[in-house]
Amino acid sequence: MRHKKQVGRFLEQPELRRLGVDVQMIQGAIEYTYKVLDALDSTLVHAGEPRMAGLLELANLSAIIGNLFRGGLARASSGRFVANGPHKYPDLLSKDKRYGDLEIKVALENNKPKGHLVKPGPHITVRYVLGNEDGTCTRGKENRGAVAWIWEVRGGMLLEHHFSVSNTAGDSGKTAVFNKDGMTALKVVFLDSERRPVLPRRGGSDDDGTLS
């Protein structure tokens, strides 16, 4: 099973607790995501088809990972959050008046998450790489495998100035990308250093604040 090969460390961040989330919930969400992905991949391989990563466009794979993580986090929250419907904002609805609703964004490798519109508020981001079934991952797009491995999860509060908006001619539409300050505002709550897609810069962090 994929989750048994996952390595990394969880960090209790004050920003995470302010969202009404703890590391046990994050761990539960990761394990649930892997459990379902493993079941889907097993069915496909048994039928002679490629794994999901070989059948889907990467944007669609990211969306599925986000949906599964959302469901896993809701399950691990003991009723504090419930999953919203597909393609509905926000991703998780809070049932506890002490906390707000949660938005979840997913990105591949070291890409910064993005949405179509600026949506300030509580956020959790998930970034993953494509490696091999045995858990090995080799840096570089040309070395991508067919198995998704989550290498980083962040949480925190985003404000309007944490987004960079693009609406240029010829673009696929409006995009609101998390900028450097936005990524820094989101604190790392899970980090798998062995599978991170880029090495940190000297000094212990990369250009968006990832821990070493």
N, C-alpha and C. Protein backbone atom coordinates (compact mmCIF):
# COMPACT_ATOMS: atom_id res chain seq x y z
N MET A 1 0.84 -1.19 0.00
CA MET A 1 0.00 0.00 0.00
C MET A 1 0.89 1.25 0.00
N ARG A 2 0.42 2.26 -0.71
CA ARG A 2 1.22 3.47 -0.90
C ARG A 2 1.55 4.17 0.42
N HIS A 3 0.56 4.27 1.32
CA HIS A 3 0.79 5.05 2.53
C HIS A 3 1.84 4.41 3.44
N LYS A 4 2.07 3.10 3.31
CA LYS A 4 3.06 2.44 4.13
C LYS A 4 4.49 2.78 3.67
N LYS A 5 4.61 3.29 2.46
CA LYS A 5 5.93 3.66 1.93
C LYS A 5 6.17 5.17 2.03
N GLN A 6 5.17 5.90 2.55
CA GLN A 6 5.31 7.34 2.66
C GLN A 6 6.29 7.69 3.77
N VAL A 7 7.18 8.60 3.49
CA VAL A 7 8.09 9.10 4.51
C VAL A 7 7.83 10.60 4.66
N GLY A 8 8.46 11.20 5.64
CA GLY A 8 8.28 12.63 5.82
C GLY A 8 7.95 12.94 7.26
N ARG A 9 7.79 14.22 7.51
CA ARG A 9 7.51 14.65 8.87
C ARG A 9 6.32 15.60 8.90
N PHE A 10 5.57 15.51 9.99
CA PHE A 10 4.43 16.39 10.21
C PHE A 10 4.83 17.44 11.23
N LEU A 11 4.35 18.67 11.01
CA LEU A 11 4.69 19.77 11.89
C LEU A 11 3.42 20.42 12.42
N GLU A 12 3.35 20.54 13.73
CA GLU A 12 2.21 21.21 14.37
C GLU A 12 2.43 22.72 14.26
N GLN A 13 1.69 23.37 13.39
CA GLN A 13 1.82 24.81 13.18
C GLN A 13 0.62 25.54 13.79
N PRO A 14 0.86 26.68 14.45
CA PRO A 14 -0.26 27.45 15.00
C PRO A 14 -1.28 27.82 13.92
N GLU A 15 -0.79 28.10 12.70
CA GLU A 15 -1.70 28.46 11.60
C GLU A 15 -2.66 27.33 11.29
N LEU A 16 -2.18 26.09 11.42
CA LEU A 16 -3.04 24.94 11.15
C LEU A 16 -4.13 24.82 12.21
N ARG A 17 -3.75 24.98 13.46
CA ARG A 17 -4.73 24.87 14.54
C ARG A 17 -5.79 25.96 14.43
N ARG A 18 -5.39 27.13 13.94
CA ARG A 18 -6.37 28.21 13.78
C ARG A 18 -7.42 27.88 12.72
N LEU A 19 -7.08 26.98 11.83
CA LEU A 19 -8.04 26.54 10.82
C LEU A 19 -8.98 25.46 11.34
N GLY A 20 -8.69 24.94 12.54
CA GLY A 20 -9.47 23.84 13.08
C GLY A 20 -8.98 22.48 12.62
N VAL A 21 -7.72 22.42 12.20
CA VAL A 21 -7.14 21.20 11.65
C VAL A 21 -5.92 20.82 12.48
N ASP A 22 -5.63 19.52 12.59
CA ASP A 22 -4.41 19.07 13.25
C ASP A 22 -3.68 18.08 12.35
N VAL A 23 -2.48 17.70 12.74
CA VAL A 23 -1.67 16.85 11.88
C VAL A 23 -2.27 15.46 11.72
N GLN A 24 -3.03 15.00 12.72
CA GLN A 24 -3.68 13.70 12.58
C GLN A 24 -4.71 13.72 11.45
N MET A 25 -5.39 14.84 11.30
CA MET A 25 -6.36 14.99 10.21
C MET A 25 -5.65 15.03 8.87
N ILE A 26 -4.51 15.72 8.81
CA ILE A 26 -3.74 15.75 7.56
C ILE A 26 -3.23 14.36 7.22
N GLN A 27 -2.73 13.65 8.20
CA GLN A 27 -2.26 12.28 7.97
C GLN A 27 -3.40 11.40 7.49
N GLY A 28 -4.57 11.52 8.11
CA GLY A 28 -5.72 10.74 7.69
C GLY A 28 -6.13 11.06 6.27
N ALA A 29 -6.04 12.33 5.88
CA ALA A 29 -6.41 12.73 4.52
C ALA A 29 -5.44 12.15 3.50
N ILE A 30 -4.14 12.15 3.82
CA ILE A 30 -3.15 11.58 2.91
C ILE A 30 -3.38 10.08 2.75
N GLU A 31 -3.59 9.39 3.86
CA GLU A 31 -3.77 7.94 3.81
C GLU A 31 -5.04 7.57 3.04
N TYR A 32 -6.10 8.35 3.23
CA TYR A 32 -7.34 8.08 2.49
C TYR A 32 -7.13 8.30 0.99
N THR A 33 -6.44 9.38 0.64
CA THR A 33 -6.15 9.67 -0.77
C THR A 33 -5.40 8.51 -1.41
N TYR A 34 -4.37 8.03 -0.72
CA TYR A 34 -3.59 6.91 -1.25
C TYR A 34 -4.43 5.63 -1.34
N LYS A 35 -5.26 5.39 -0.35
CA LYS A 35 -6.07 4.17 -0.33
C LYS A 35 -6.96 4.08 -1.56
N VAL A 36 -7.61 5.20 -1.90
CA VAL A 36 -8.51 5.20 -3.05
C VAL A 36 -7.71 5.15 -4.35
N LEU A 37 -6.62 5.92 -4.43
CA LEU A 37 -5.80 5.88 -5.64
C LEU A 37 -5.25 4.48 -5.89
N ASP A 38 -4.82 3.80 -4.83
CA ASP A 38 -4.31 2.44 -4.98
C ASP A 38 -5.39 1.51 -5.50
N ALA A 39 -6.60 1.66 -4.99
CA ALA A 39 -7.71 0.80 -5.43
C ALA A 39 -8.03 1.04 -6.90
N LEU A 40 -8.04 2.30 -7.30
CA LEU A 40 -8.34 2.63 -8.70
C LEU A 40 -7.23 2.12 -9.62
N ASP A 41 -5.97 2.35 -9.23
CA ASP A 41 -4.85 1.89 -10.04
C ASP A 41 -4.84 0.38 -10.17
N SER A 42 -5.15 -0.31 -9.07
CA SER A 42 -5.16 -1.77 -9.09
C SER A 42 -6.20 -2.30 -10.06
N THR A 43 -7.37 -1.68 -10.07
CA THR A 43 -8.43 -2.10 -11.00
C THR A 43 -8.01 -1.87 -12.44
N LEU A 44 -7.41 -0.72 -12.71
CA LEU A 44 -6.97 -0.40 -14.07
C LEU A 44 -5.88 -1.36 -14.55
N VAL A 45 -4.88 -1.58 -13.71
CA VAL A 45 -3.78 -2.47 -14.09
C VAL A 45 -4.29 -3.89 -14.32
N HIS A 46 -5.20 -4.34 -13.47
CA HIS A 46 -5.78 -5.68 -13.63
C HIS A 46 -6.52 -5.81 -14.96
N ALA A 47 -7.09 -4.70 -15.42
CA ALA A 47 -7.82 -4.70 -16.70
C ALA A 47 -6.91 -4.48 -17.90
N GLY A 48 -5.60 -4.34 -17.64
CA GLY A 48 -4.66 -4.13 -18.72
C GLY A 48 -4.53 -2.70 -19.18
N GLU A 49 -4.98 -1.77 -18.34
CA GLU A 49 -4.91 -0.34 -18.66
C GLU A 49 -3.77 0.32 -17.88
N PRO A 50 -3.32 1.49 -18.33
CA PRO A 50 -2.33 2.24 -17.55
C PRO A 50 -2.93 2.73 -16.24
N ARG A 51 -2.08 3.10 -15.31
CA ARG A 51 -2.56 3.73 -14.09
C ARG A 51 -3.22 5.06 -14.41
N MET A 52 -3.88 5.62 -13.42
CA MET A 52 -4.62 6.87 -13.63
C MET A 52 -3.73 7.96 -14.19
N ALA A 53 -2.50 8.05 -13.70
CA ALA A 53 -1.59 9.10 -14.17
C ALA A 53 -1.27 8.95 -15.64
N GLY A 54 -1.46 7.76 -16.18
CA GLY A 54 -1.21 7.54 -17.60
C GLY A 54 -2.44 7.68 -18.46
N LEU A 55 -3.59 7.85 -17.82
CA LEU A 55 -4.85 7.99 -18.56
C LEU A 55 -5.38 9.41 -18.57
N LEU A 56 -5.00 10.20 -17.58
CA LEU A 56 -5.59 11.52 -17.40
C LEU A 56 -4.60 12.63 -17.71
N GLU A 57 -5.13 13.76 -18.13
CA GLU A 57 -4.32 14.96 -18.17
C GLU A 57 -3.95 15.33 -16.74
N LEU A 58 -2.78 15.93 -16.57
CA LEU A 58 -2.30 16.22 -15.23
C LEU A 58 -3.25 17.13 -14.45
N ALA A 59 -3.90 18.06 -15.14
CA ALA A 59 -4.85 18.94 -14.45
C ALA A 59 -6.01 18.13 -13.87
N ASN A 60 -6.46 17.12 -14.61
CA ASN A 60 -7.55 16.28 -14.13
C ASN A 60 -7.09 15.38 -12.98
N LEU A 61 -5.85 14.89 -13.08
CA LEU A 61 -5.32 14.08 -11.98
C LEU A 61 -5.22 14.91 -10.71
N SER A 62 -4.76 16.17 -10.85
CA SER A 62 -4.68 17.05 -9.69
C SER A 62 -6.05 17.28 -9.07
N ALA A 63 -7.06 17.43 -9.93
CA ALA A 63 -8.42 17.65 -9.43
C ALA A 63 -8.91 16.44 -8.64
N ILE A 64 -8.60 15.24 -9.14
CA ILE A 64 -9.02 14.02 -8.44
C ILE A 64 -8.31 13.91 -7.10
N ILE A 65 -7.01 14.19 -7.08
CA ILE A 65 -6.27 14.15 -5.82
C ILE A 65 -6.87 15.15 -4.84
N GLY A 66 -7.23 16.33 -5.32
CA GLY A 66 -7.86 17.33 -4.45
C GLY A 66 -9.19 16.87 -3.90
N ASN A 67 -10.00 16.23 -4.73
CA ASN A 67 -11.30 15.74 -4.29
C ASN A 67 -11.14 14.64 -3.24
N LEU A 68 -10.17 13.75 -3.45
CA LEU A 68 -9.95 12.67 -2.49
C LEU A 68 -9.39 13.21 -1.18
N PHE A 69 -8.47 14.15 -1.26
CA PHE A 69 -7.91 14.75 -0.05
C PHE A 69 -9.02 15.46 0.73
N ARG A 70 -9.89 16.14 0.02
CA ARG A 70 -11.03 16.81 0.66
C ARG A 70 -11.90 15.81 1.41
N GLY A 71 -12.23 14.70 0.75
CA GLY A 71 -13.05 13.68 1.39
C GLY A 71 -12.35 13.04 2.57
N GLY A 72 -11.03 12.80 2.42
CA GLY A 72 -10.29 12.20 3.52
C GLY A 72 -10.18 13.12 4.71
N LEU A 73 -10.02 14.42 4.47
CA LEU A 73 -9.92 15.38 5.57
C LEU A 73 -11.26 15.48 6.30
N ALA A 74 -12.35 15.47 5.54
CA ALA A 74 -13.67 15.51 6.16
C ALA A 74 -13.88 14.28 7.05
N ARG A 75 -13.49 13.11 6.55
CA ARG A 75 -13.63 11.88 7.32
C ARG A 75 -12.80 11.90 8.59
N ALA A 76 -11.61 12.49 8.50
CA ALA A 76 -10.70 12.51 9.65
C ALA A 76 -11.04 13.61 10.65
N SER A 77 -11.97 14.48 10.31
CA SER A 77 -12.26 15.64 11.16
C SER A 77 -13.31 15.36 12.24
N SER A 78 -13.84 14.14 12.26
CA SER A 78 -14.87 13.75 13.26
C SER A 78 -16.08 14.68 13.22
N GLY A 79 -16.46 15.07 12.02
CA GLY A 79 -17.66 15.88 11.84
C GLY A 79 -17.44 17.37 11.89
N ARG A 80 -16.21 17.81 12.13
CA ARG A 80 -15.94 19.25 12.18
C ARG A 80 -16.11 19.90 10.80
N PHE A 81 -15.74 19.15 9.75
CA PHE A 81 -15.90 19.62 8.37
C PHE A 81 -16.65 18.58 7.56
N VAL A 82 -17.39 19.07 6.58
CA VAL A 82 -18.06 18.18 5.62
C VAL A 82 -17.66 18.62 4.21
N ALA A 83 -17.55 17.64 3.32
CA ALA A 83 -17.15 17.95 1.96
C ALA A 83 -18.28 18.64 1.21
N ASN A 84 -17.94 19.70 0.51
CA ASN A 84 -18.89 20.38 -0.36
C ASN A 84 -19.02 19.58 -1.66
N GLY A 85 -19.97 19.94 -2.50
CA GLY A 85 -20.16 19.24 -3.75
C GLY A 85 -19.04 19.51 -4.73
N PRO A 86 -18.90 18.67 -5.77
CA PRO A 86 -17.85 18.87 -6.77
C PRO A 86 -17.96 20.25 -7.44
N HIS A 87 -16.82 20.89 -7.64
CA HIS A 87 -16.73 22.18 -8.31
C HIS A 87 -17.50 23.29 -7.57
N LYS A 88 -17.67 23.10 -6.25
CA LYS A 88 -18.34 24.12 -5.45
C LYS A 88 -17.35 24.73 -4.47
N TYR A 89 -17.48 26.04 -4.27
CA TYR A 89 -16.61 26.75 -3.34
C TYR A 89 -17.36 27.00 -2.04
N PRO A 90 -16.72 26.79 -0.91
CA PRO A 90 -15.38 26.24 -0.70
C PRO A 90 -15.42 24.71 -0.67
N ASP A 91 -14.26 24.08 -0.63
CA ASP A 91 -14.19 22.62 -0.69
C ASP A 91 -14.74 21.95 0.56
N LEU A 92 -14.47 22.53 1.71
CA LEU A 92 -14.93 21.95 2.97
C LEU A 92 -15.74 22.98 3.74
N LEU A 93 -16.89 22.56 4.20
CA LEU A 93 -17.78 23.43 4.97
C LEU A 93 -17.60 23.14 6.45
N SER A 94 -17.39 24.18 7.23
CA SER A 94 -17.18 24.01 8.66
C SER A 94 -18.51 23.84 9.39
N LYS A 95 -18.57 22.85 10.26
CA LYS A 95 -19.75 22.63 11.11
C LYS A 95 -19.50 23.13 12.52
N ASP A 96 -18.34 23.72 12.72
CA ASP A 96 -17.94 24.26 14.02
C ASP A 96 -17.82 25.77 13.89
N LYS A 97 -18.60 26.51 14.65
CA LYS A 97 -18.65 27.96 14.52
C LYS A 97 -17.33 28.63 14.87
N ARG A 98 -16.43 27.92 15.50
CA ARG A 98 -15.14 28.51 15.85
C ARG A 98 -14.22 28.64 14.64
N TYR A 99 -14.54 27.92 13.57
CA TYR A 99 -13.64 27.87 12.43
C TYR A 99 -14.38 28.18 11.14
N GLY A 100 -13.62 28.65 10.15
CA GLY A 100 -14.21 28.97 8.85
C GLY A 100 -14.17 27.78 7.91
N ASP A 101 -14.78 27.97 6.76
CA ASP A 101 -14.73 26.96 5.70
C ASP A 101 -13.30 26.89 5.15
N LEU A 102 -13.00 25.78 4.48
CA LEU A 102 -11.65 25.54 3.97
C LEU A 102 -11.65 25.36 2.47
N GLU A 103 -10.66 25.94 1.81
CA GLU A 103 -10.43 25.72 0.39
C GLU A 103 -9.15 24.90 0.23
N ILE A 104 -9.17 23.92 -0.67
CA ILE A 104 -8.03 23.05 -0.90
C ILE A 104 -7.55 23.23 -2.34
N LYS A 105 -6.26 23.45 -2.51
CA LYS A 105 -5.68 23.59 -3.84
C LYS A 105 -4.53 22.59 -4.00
N VAL A 106 -4.41 22.03 -5.19
CA VAL A 106 -3.41 21.01 -5.48
C VAL A 106 -2.54 21.47 -6.64
N ALA A 107 -1.25 21.17 -6.57
CA ALA A 107 -0.34 21.52 -7.66
C ALA A 107 0.70 20.41 -7.81
N LEU A 108 1.19 20.27 -9.02
CA LEU A 108 2.21 19.27 -9.33
C LEU A 108 3.60 19.84 -9.06
N GLU A 109 4.45 19.00 -8.46
CA GLU A 109 5.85 19.32 -8.23
C GLU A 109 5.99 20.62 -7.45
N ASN A 110 6.80 21.57 -7.92
CA ASN A 110 6.97 22.81 -7.15
C ASN A 110 6.17 23.96 -7.74
N ASN A 111 5.18 23.65 -8.56
CA ASN A 111 4.30 24.70 -9.09
C ASN A 111 3.50 25.32 -7.95
N LYS A 112 3.21 26.60 -8.09
CA LYS A 112 2.38 27.27 -7.11
C LYS A 112 0.91 27.01 -7.44
N PRO A 113 0.09 26.68 -6.44
CA PRO A 113 -1.34 26.44 -6.69
C PRO A 113 -2.01 27.68 -7.26
N LYS A 114 -3.12 27.45 -7.93
CA LYS A 114 -3.85 28.56 -8.52
C LYS A 114 -5.32 28.24 -8.62
N GLY A 115 -6.11 29.29 -8.79
CA GLY A 115 -7.53 29.16 -9.04
C GLY A 115 -7.93 30.13 -10.13
N HIS A 116 -9.21 30.19 -10.42
CA HIS A 116 -9.69 31.11 -11.44
C HIS A 116 -9.92 32.51 -10.88
N LEU A 117 -10.21 32.60 -9.59
CA LEU A 117 -10.51 33.87 -8.97
C LEU A 117 -9.75 34.01 -7.66
N VAL A 118 -9.56 35.25 -7.23
CA VAL A 118 -8.97 35.52 -5.93
C VAL A 118 -9.99 35.15 -4.85
N LYS A 119 -9.61 34.22 -3.98
CA LYS A 119 -10.53 33.77 -2.93
C LYS A 119 -9.79 33.77 -1.60
N PRO A 120 -9.75 34.92 -0.93
CA PRO A 120 -9.07 34.98 0.37
C PRO A 120 -9.76 34.07 1.38
N GLY A 121 -9.00 33.66 2.39
CA GLY A 121 -9.57 32.83 3.44
C GLY A 121 -8.68 31.66 3.79
N PRO A 122 -9.19 30.75 4.62
CA PRO A 122 -8.41 29.58 5.03
C PRO A 122 -8.13 28.66 3.85
N HIS A 123 -6.88 28.24 3.72
CA HIS A 123 -6.48 27.37 2.62
C HIS A 123 -5.58 26.24 3.11
N ILE A 124 -5.69 25.12 2.43
CA ILE A 124 -4.73 24.03 2.56
C ILE A 124 -4.26 23.70 1.15
N THR A 125 -2.95 23.59 0.97
CA THR A 125 -2.41 23.25 -0.34
C THR A 125 -1.71 21.90 -0.27
N VAL A 126 -1.83 21.17 -1.36
CA VAL A 126 -1.21 19.85 -1.49
C VAL A 126 -0.38 19.85 -2.77
N ARG A 127 0.89 19.47 -2.65
CA ARG A 127 1.73 19.35 -3.84
C ARG A 127 2.28 17.92 -3.92
N TYR A 128 2.34 17.40 -5.13
CA TYR A 128 2.72 16.00 -5.31
C TYR A 128 3.69 15.85 -6.47
N VAL A 129 4.33 14.70 -6.51
CA VAL A 129 5.21 14.34 -7.62
C VAL A 129 4.74 13.00 -8.18
N LEU A 130 5.21 12.67 -9.37
CA LEU A 130 4.90 11.39 -9.98
C LEU A 130 6.16 10.52 -9.96
N GLY A 131 6.09 9.47 -9.17
CA GLY A 131 7.22 8.56 -9.02
C GLY A 131 6.85 7.15 -9.39
N ASN A 132 7.49 6.20 -8.72
CA ASN A 132 7.30 4.79 -9.03
C ASN A 132 6.54 4.08 -7.91
N GLU A 133 6.09 2.88 -8.22
CA GLU A 133 5.30 2.12 -7.26
C GLU A 133 6.08 1.82 -5.99
N ASP A 134 7.39 1.62 -6.11
CA ASP A 134 8.20 1.29 -4.94
C ASP A 134 8.54 2.50 -4.09
N GLY A 135 8.05 3.67 -4.49
CA GLY A 135 8.28 4.88 -3.72
C GLY A 135 9.42 5.74 -4.19
N THR A 136 10.20 5.25 -5.12
CA THR A 136 11.34 6.04 -5.61
C THR A 136 10.85 7.13 -6.56
N CYS A 137 11.52 8.27 -6.50
CA CYS A 137 11.21 9.40 -7.37
C CYS A 137 12.53 10.02 -7.83
N THR A 138 12.61 10.32 -9.11
CA THR A 138 13.79 10.96 -9.68
C THR A 138 13.42 12.34 -10.17
N ARG A 139 14.15 13.35 -9.75
CA ARG A 139 13.83 14.72 -10.13
C ARG A 139 13.93 14.92 -11.63
N GLY A 140 13.07 15.79 -12.17
CA GLY A 140 13.07 16.10 -13.59
C GLY A 140 11.80 15.61 -14.26
N LYS A 141 11.20 16.48 -15.08
CA LYS A 141 9.96 16.13 -15.75
C LYS A 141 10.10 14.88 -16.61
N GLU A 142 11.30 14.71 -17.19
CA GLU A 142 11.51 13.57 -18.07
C GLU A 142 11.57 12.25 -17.29
N ASN A 143 11.63 12.33 -15.96
CA ASN A 143 11.73 11.12 -15.14
C ASN A 143 10.45 10.83 -14.38
N ARG A 144 9.36 11.49 -14.74
CA ARG A 144 8.10 11.26 -14.04
C ARG A 144 7.64 9.81 -14.19
N GLY A 145 7.11 9.28 -13.09
CA GLY A 145 6.53 7.95 -13.09
C GLY A 145 5.03 8.01 -13.23
N ALA A 146 4.35 6.97 -12.75
CA ALA A 146 2.89 6.88 -12.90
C ALA A 146 2.17 6.80 -11.57
N VAL A 147 2.89 7.05 -10.47
CA VAL A 147 2.30 6.95 -9.14
C VAL A 147 2.46 8.28 -8.41
N ALA A 148 1.36 8.83 -7.93
CA ALA A 148 1.37 10.13 -7.26
C ALA A 148 1.83 9.97 -5.81
N TRP A 149 2.78 10.80 -5.43
CA TRP A 149 3.28 10.85 -4.05
C TRP A 149 3.18 12.29 -3.57
N ILE A 150 2.48 12.50 -2.47
CA ILE A 150 2.36 13.83 -1.88
C ILE A 150 3.67 14.16 -1.16
N TRP A 151 4.27 15.29 -1.53
CA TRP A 151 5.54 15.65 -0.89
C TRP A 151 5.40 16.85 0.05
N GLU A 152 4.28 17.58 -0.06
CA GLU A 152 4.14 18.76 0.80
C GLU A 152 2.67 19.09 1.01
N VAL A 153 2.35 19.48 2.24
CA VAL A 153 1.03 20.03 2.58
C VAL A 153 1.26 21.29 3.40
N ARG A 154 0.52 22.34 3.07
CA ARG A 154 0.61 23.61 3.79
C ARG A 154 -0.77 24.05 4.25
N GLY A 155 -0.80 24.91 5.25
CA GLY A 155 -2.07 25.47 5.71
C GLY A 155 -1.90 26.88 6.22
N GLY A 156 -2.95 27.67 6.09
CA GLY A 156 -2.90 29.03 6.61
C GLY A 156 -3.99 29.90 6.01
N MET A 157 -3.90 31.18 6.30
CA MET A 157 -4.88 32.17 5.85
C MET A 157 -4.29 33.02 4.73
N LEU A 158 -5.03 33.10 3.63
CA LEU A 158 -4.58 33.93 2.51
C LEU A 158 -5.43 35.20 2.42
N LEU A 159 -4.76 36.30 2.08
CA LEU A 159 -5.42 37.58 1.87
C LEU A 159 -5.36 37.92 0.38
N GLU A 160 -6.04 38.99 -0.01
CA GLU A 160 -6.11 39.33 -1.43
C GLU A 160 -4.74 39.56 -2.04
N HIS A 161 -3.83 40.15 -1.29
CA HIS A 161 -2.51 40.46 -1.87
C HIS A 161 -1.62 39.22 -1.99
N HIS A 162 -2.10 38.07 -1.57
CA HIS A 162 -1.35 36.82 -1.71
C HIS A 162 -1.57 36.14 -3.05
N PHE A 163 -2.32 36.79 -3.93
CA PHE A 163 -2.61 36.23 -5.26
C PHE A 163 -2.07 37.14 -6.35
N SER A 164 -1.59 36.52 -7.42
CA SER A 164 -1.21 37.26 -8.62
C SER A 164 -2.20 36.91 -9.72
N VAL A 165 -2.91 37.92 -10.22
CA VAL A 165 -3.99 37.68 -11.17
C VAL A 165 -3.49 37.87 -12.59
N SER A 166 -3.85 36.94 -13.47
CA SER A 166 -3.48 37.01 -14.88
C SER A 166 -4.74 36.93 -15.72
N ASN A 167 -4.85 37.81 -16.69
CA ASN A 167 -5.98 37.77 -17.61
C ASN A 167 -5.51 38.30 -18.97
N THR A 168 -4.36 37.81 -19.41
CA THR A 168 -3.76 38.31 -20.64
C THR A 168 -4.42 37.72 -21.87
N ALA A 169 -4.29 38.41 -22.98
CA ALA A 169 -4.87 37.93 -24.24
C ALA A 169 -4.22 36.61 -24.62
N GLY A 170 -5.06 35.67 -25.05
CA GLY A 170 -4.56 34.37 -25.43
C GLY A 170 -4.43 33.40 -24.28
N ASP A 171 -4.64 33.91 -23.05
CA ASP A 171 -4.59 33.04 -21.89
C ASP A 171 -5.83 32.16 -21.87
N SER A 172 -5.79 31.09 -21.08
CA SER A 172 -6.93 30.17 -21.02
C SER A 172 -8.06 30.74 -20.17
N GLY A 173 -7.88 31.89 -19.64
CA GLY A 173 -8.89 32.52 -18.80
C GLY A 173 -8.24 33.14 -17.59
N LYS A 174 -9.02 33.76 -16.74
CA LYS A 174 -8.49 34.36 -15.53
C LYS A 174 -7.85 33.30 -14.64
N THR A 175 -6.70 33.62 -14.11
CA THR A 175 -6.05 32.75 -13.13
C THR A 175 -5.56 33.60 -11.97
N ALA A 176 -5.68 33.05 -10.79
CA ALA A 176 -5.19 33.71 -9.58
C ALA A 176 -4.18 32.77 -8.94
N VAL A 177 -2.91 33.03 -9.21
CA VAL A 177 -1.83 32.17 -8.73
C VAL A 177 -1.34 32.66 -7.37
N PHE A 178 -1.09 31.72 -6.46
CA PHE A 178 -0.52 32.10 -5.18
C PHE A 178 0.88 32.67 -5.43
N ASN A 179 1.15 33.86 -4.93
CA ASN A 179 2.47 34.45 -5.13
C ASN A 179 3.43 34.03 -4.01
N LYS A 180 4.65 34.57 -4.07
CA LYS A 180 5.66 34.19 -3.09
C LYS A 180 5.21 34.48 -1.66
N ASP A 181 4.61 35.66 -1.45
CA ASP A 181 4.14 36.01 -0.11
C ASP A 181 3.02 35.08 0.34
N GLY A 182 2.19 34.68 -0.61
CA GLY A 182 1.11 33.76 -0.29
C GLY A 182 1.64 32.40 0.14
N MET A 183 2.64 31.89 -0.57
CA MET A 183 3.22 30.60 -0.21
C MET A 183 3.90 30.67 1.14
N THR A 184 4.51 31.81 1.44
CA THR A 184 5.17 31.98 2.73
C THR A 184 4.14 32.04 3.86
N ALA A 185 2.97 32.63 3.58
CA ALA A 185 1.91 32.72 4.58
C ALA A 185 1.33 31.35 4.92
N LEU A 186 1.43 30.41 3.97
CA LEU A 186 0.96 29.05 4.21
C LEU A 186 2.11 28.25 4.81
N LYS A 187 1.95 27.78 6.01
CA LYS A 187 3.03 27.11 6.72
C LYS A 187 3.03 25.61 6.41
N VAL A 188 4.24 25.07 6.26
CA VAL A 188 4.39 23.65 5.93
C VAL A 188 3.96 22.80 7.13
N VAL A 189 3.02 21.89 6.90
CA VAL A 189 2.55 20.99 7.96
C VAL A 189 2.91 19.54 7.66
N PHE A 190 3.32 19.26 6.42
CA PHE A 190 3.87 17.96 6.07
C PHE A 190 4.92 18.15 4.99
N LEU A 191 6.07 17.51 5.17
CA LEU A 191 7.14 17.63 4.19
C LEU A 191 7.84 16.29 4.04
N ASP A 192 7.91 15.80 2.81
CA ASP A 192 8.64 14.59 2.46
C ASP A 192 9.88 15.04 1.69
N SER A 193 10.98 15.23 2.40
CA SER A 193 12.18 15.79 1.78
C SER A 193 12.76 14.88 0.71
N GLU A 194 12.58 13.57 0.85
CA GLU A 194 13.16 12.63 -0.11
C GLU A 194 12.49 12.72 -1.48
N ARG A 195 11.25 13.20 -1.50
CA ARG A 195 10.52 13.24 -2.77
C ARG A 195 10.26 14.66 -3.26
N ARG A 196 10.81 15.65 -2.59
CA ARG A 196 10.59 17.02 -3.05
C ARG A 196 11.23 17.19 -4.42
N PRO A 197 10.58 17.91 -5.32
CA PRO A 197 11.03 17.98 -6.71
C PRO A 197 12.25 18.86 -6.95
N VAL A 198 12.54 19.75 -6.02
CA VAL A 198 13.72 20.62 -6.15
C VAL A 198 14.42 20.68 -4.81
N LEU A 199 15.72 20.86 -4.83
CA LEU A 199 16.47 21.02 -3.60
C LEU A 199 16.30 22.44 -3.07
N PRO A 200 16.28 22.61 -1.75
CA PRO A 200 16.15 23.97 -1.20
C PRO A 200 17.39 24.78 -1.46
N ARG A 201 17.21 26.08 -1.51
CA ARG A 201 18.36 26.96 -1.65
C ARG A 201 19.19 26.94 -0.37
N ARG A 202 20.45 27.37 -0.51
CA ARG A 202 21.30 27.45 0.68
C ARG A 202 20.66 28.39 1.69
N GLY A 203 20.62 27.95 2.92
CA GLY A 203 19.96 28.74 3.96
C GLY A 203 18.71 28.07 4.47
N GLY A 204 18.31 26.95 3.81
CA GLY A 204 17.24 26.14 4.37
C GLY A 204 15.89 26.34 3.79
N SER A 205 15.76 27.18 2.75
CA SER A 205 14.43 27.36 2.18
C SER A 205 14.57 27.64 0.70
N ASP A 206 13.50 27.34 -0.04
CA ASP A 206 13.50 27.67 -1.45
C ASP A 206 12.79 29.00 -1.66
N ASP A 207 12.44 29.32 -2.89
CA ASP A 207 11.92 30.66 -3.16
C ASP A 207 10.51 30.87 -2.66
N ASP A 208 9.85 29.83 -2.14
CA ASP A 208 8.52 30.06 -1.58
C ASP A 208 8.41 29.58 -0.13
N GLY A 209 9.53 29.48 0.54
CA GLY A 209 9.50 29.27 1.98
C GLY A 209 9.43 27.83 2.44
N THR A 210 9.63 26.86 1.56
CA THR A 210 9.57 25.47 1.98
C THR A 210 10.71 25.14 2.94
N LEU A 211 10.40 24.38 3.95
CA LEU A 211 11.44 23.96 4.90
C LEU A 211 12.39 22.99 4.22
N SER A 212 13.61 22.95 4.73
CA SER A 212 14.58 21.99 4.23
C SER A 212 14.38 20.65 4.92
